[in-house]
Amino acid sequence: MAIIRNKFDFDIGYLIKSPCKECEKSDRFPNCEEECITLDEVQTILAEGISCSLAPAE
């Protein structure tokens, strides 16, 4: 699956709290992360972003 990088990090926003805090499986953390759909979706969204703080290499 190819990720199209067309969003900057300020377009995506930022997390104000961890989705794991109120998860019913939080007692298994971090062992639950491999099967977590919510974390997978968050990581996919963040992977689509381009950092606005990147500077050209000198």
N, C-alpha and C. Protein backbone atom coordinates (compact mmCIF):
# COMPACT_ATOMS: atom_id res chain seq x y z
N MET A 1 0.83 -1.17 0.00
CA MET A 1 0.00 0.00 0.00
C MET A 1 0.89 1.25 0.00
N ALA A 2 0.80 2.04 -1.03
CA ALA A 2 1.59 3.25 -1.14
C ALA A 2 0.91 4.39 -0.38
N ILE A 3 1.72 5.14 0.35
CA ILE A 3 1.20 6.30 1.09
C ILE A 3 1.50 7.55 0.27
N ILE A 4 0.46 8.31 -0.03
CA ILE A 4 0.63 9.56 -0.78
C ILE A 4 0.89 10.67 0.24
N ARG A 5 2.05 11.27 0.14
CA ARG A 5 2.43 12.31 1.10
C ARG A 5 1.99 13.68 0.59
N ASN A 6 0.80 14.07 0.97
CA ASN A 6 0.27 15.34 0.51
C ASN A 6 -0.25 16.21 1.64
N LYS A 7 0.06 15.88 2.88
CA LYS A 7 -0.41 16.64 4.03
C LYS A 7 0.78 17.01 4.91
N PHE A 8 0.76 18.22 5.44
CA PHE A 8 1.76 18.63 6.42
C PHE A 8 1.26 18.27 7.81
N ASP A 9 2.18 18.19 8.75
CA ASP A 9 1.77 17.79 10.10
C ASP A 9 0.77 18.77 10.71
N PHE A 10 0.84 20.06 10.35
CA PHE A 10 -0.13 21.00 10.90
C PHE A 10 -1.51 20.83 10.27
N ASP A 11 -1.60 20.20 9.10
CA ASP A 11 -2.90 19.87 8.50
C ASP A 11 -3.56 18.71 9.23
N ILE A 12 -2.76 17.79 9.70
CA ILE A 12 -3.26 16.59 10.37
C ILE A 12 -3.68 16.91 11.80
N GLY A 13 -2.94 17.76 12.47
CA GLY A 13 -3.21 18.07 13.86
C GLY A 13 -2.31 17.28 14.79
N TYR A 14 -2.72 17.16 16.03
CA TYR A 14 -1.91 16.43 17.00
C TYR A 14 -2.83 15.77 18.01
N LEU A 15 -2.30 14.77 18.68
CA LEU A 15 -3.07 14.06 19.69
C LEU A 15 -3.07 14.86 20.99
N ILE A 16 -4.23 14.98 21.60
CA ILE A 16 -4.28 15.67 22.89
C ILE A 16 -4.28 14.69 24.05
N LYS A 17 -4.57 13.42 23.77
CA LYS A 17 -4.41 12.37 24.77
C LYS A 17 -4.27 11.04 24.06
N SER A 18 -3.65 10.13 24.75
CA SER A 18 -3.42 8.81 24.18
C SER A 18 -4.74 8.05 24.04
N PRO A 19 -4.95 7.41 22.89
CA PRO A 19 -6.16 6.60 22.75
C PRO A 19 -6.12 5.37 23.67
N CYS A 20 -4.96 5.09 24.24
CA CYS A 20 -4.81 3.92 25.10
C CYS A 20 -5.32 4.17 26.53
N LYS A 21 -5.43 5.43 26.92
CA LYS A 21 -5.81 5.73 28.31
C LYS A 21 -7.17 5.17 28.70
N GLU A 22 -8.13 5.21 27.79
CA GLU A 22 -9.47 4.73 28.12
C GLU A 22 -9.81 3.41 27.42
N CYS A 23 -8.80 2.74 26.91
CA CYS A 23 -9.01 1.48 26.21
C CYS A 23 -9.29 0.37 27.22
N GLU A 24 -10.20 -0.52 26.85
CA GLU A 24 -10.52 -1.64 27.74
C GLU A 24 -9.38 -2.65 27.86
N LYS A 25 -8.41 -2.57 26.95
CA LYS A 25 -7.27 -3.49 26.98
C LYS A 25 -6.00 -2.82 27.50
N SER A 26 -6.12 -1.66 28.13
CA SER A 26 -4.94 -0.91 28.56
C SER A 26 -4.11 -1.66 29.60
N ASP A 27 -4.72 -2.59 30.30
CA ASP A 27 -3.95 -3.37 31.28
C ASP A 27 -2.94 -4.30 30.61
N ARG A 28 -3.10 -4.53 29.30
CA ARG A 28 -2.17 -5.38 28.54
C ARG A 28 -1.09 -4.58 27.84
N PHE A 29 -1.17 -3.25 27.88
CA PHE A 29 -0.23 -2.38 27.17
C PHE A 29 1.20 -2.65 27.66
N PRO A 30 2.18 -2.72 26.81
CA PRO A 30 2.25 -2.51 25.38
C PRO A 30 2.06 -3.78 24.55
N ASN A 31 1.74 -4.88 25.20
CA ASN A 31 1.60 -6.14 24.47
C ASN A 31 0.40 -6.16 23.53
N CYS A 32 -0.50 -5.21 23.64
CA CYS A 32 -1.71 -5.18 22.81
C CYS A 32 -1.51 -4.40 21.51
N GLU A 33 -0.41 -3.68 21.38
CA GLU A 33 -0.26 -2.76 20.24
C GLU A 33 -0.23 -3.44 18.88
N GLU A 34 0.23 -4.65 18.82
CA GLU A 34 0.29 -5.36 17.53
C GLU A 34 -1.09 -5.61 16.94
N GLU A 35 -2.10 -5.78 17.78
CA GLU A 35 -3.45 -6.09 17.31
C GLU A 35 -4.41 -4.91 17.41
N CYS A 36 -3.92 -3.74 17.78
CA CYS A 36 -4.78 -2.59 18.02
C CYS A 36 -5.13 -1.85 16.72
N ILE A 37 -6.39 -1.83 16.39
CA ILE A 37 -6.86 -1.16 15.18
C ILE A 37 -6.74 0.36 15.33
N THR A 38 -7.05 0.88 16.51
CA THR A 38 -6.99 2.32 16.75
C THR A 38 -5.57 2.85 16.56
N LEU A 39 -4.58 2.18 17.15
CA LEU A 39 -3.19 2.62 16.98
C LEU A 39 -2.74 2.51 15.53
N ASP A 40 -3.19 1.49 14.85
CA ASP A 40 -2.87 1.33 13.44
C ASP A 40 -3.41 2.49 12.62
N GLU A 41 -4.65 2.90 12.91
CA GLU A 41 -5.25 4.03 12.18
C GLU A 41 -4.52 5.32 12.48
N VAL A 42 -4.15 5.55 13.74
CA VAL A 42 -3.42 6.77 14.12
C VAL A 42 -2.06 6.79 13.42
N GLN A 43 -1.35 5.67 13.43
CA GLN A 43 -0.03 5.61 12.79
C GLN A 43 -0.13 5.83 11.28
N THR A 44 -1.19 5.32 10.66
CA THR A 44 -1.38 5.52 9.22
C THR A 44 -1.60 6.99 8.90
N ILE A 45 -2.43 7.65 9.69
CA ILE A 45 -2.70 9.08 9.48
C ILE A 45 -1.42 9.89 9.67
N LEU A 46 -0.67 9.60 10.72
CA LEU A 46 0.57 10.34 10.98
C LEU A 46 1.62 10.08 9.91
N ALA A 47 1.64 8.87 9.35
CA ALA A 47 2.61 8.53 8.31
C ALA A 47 2.35 9.30 7.02
N GLU A 48 1.12 9.77 6.83
CA GLU A 48 0.79 10.53 5.63
C GLU A 48 1.31 11.96 5.68
N GLY A 49 1.73 12.40 6.85
CA GLY A 49 2.13 13.80 7.02
C GLY A 49 3.59 14.05 6.72
N ILE A 50 3.88 15.28 6.35
CA ILE A 50 5.23 15.74 6.12
C ILE A 50 5.53 16.77 7.20
N SER A 51 6.64 16.62 7.88
CA SER A 51 6.99 17.54 8.95
C SER A 51 7.22 18.94 8.39
N CYS A 52 6.63 19.94 9.03
CA CYS A 52 6.83 21.32 8.57
C CYS A 52 8.15 21.87 9.10
N SER A 53 8.84 21.12 9.95
CA SER A 53 10.11 21.60 10.50
C SER A 53 11.32 21.04 9.77
N LEU A 54 11.10 20.32 8.69
CA LEU A 54 12.25 19.79 7.93
C LEU A 54 12.98 20.93 7.21
N ALA A 55 14.25 20.92 7.37
CA ALA A 55 15.07 21.93 6.70
C ALA A 55 15.92 21.21 5.65
N PRO A 56 16.24 21.88 4.54
CA PRO A 56 17.09 21.24 3.53
C PRO A 56 18.46 20.92 4.08
N ALA A 57 19.02 19.82 3.64
CA ALA A 57 20.35 19.41 4.10
C ALA A 57 21.40 20.37 3.57
N GLU A 58 22.39 20.67 4.40
CA GLU A 58 23.45 21.58 3.98
C GLU A 58 24.73 20.85 3.77
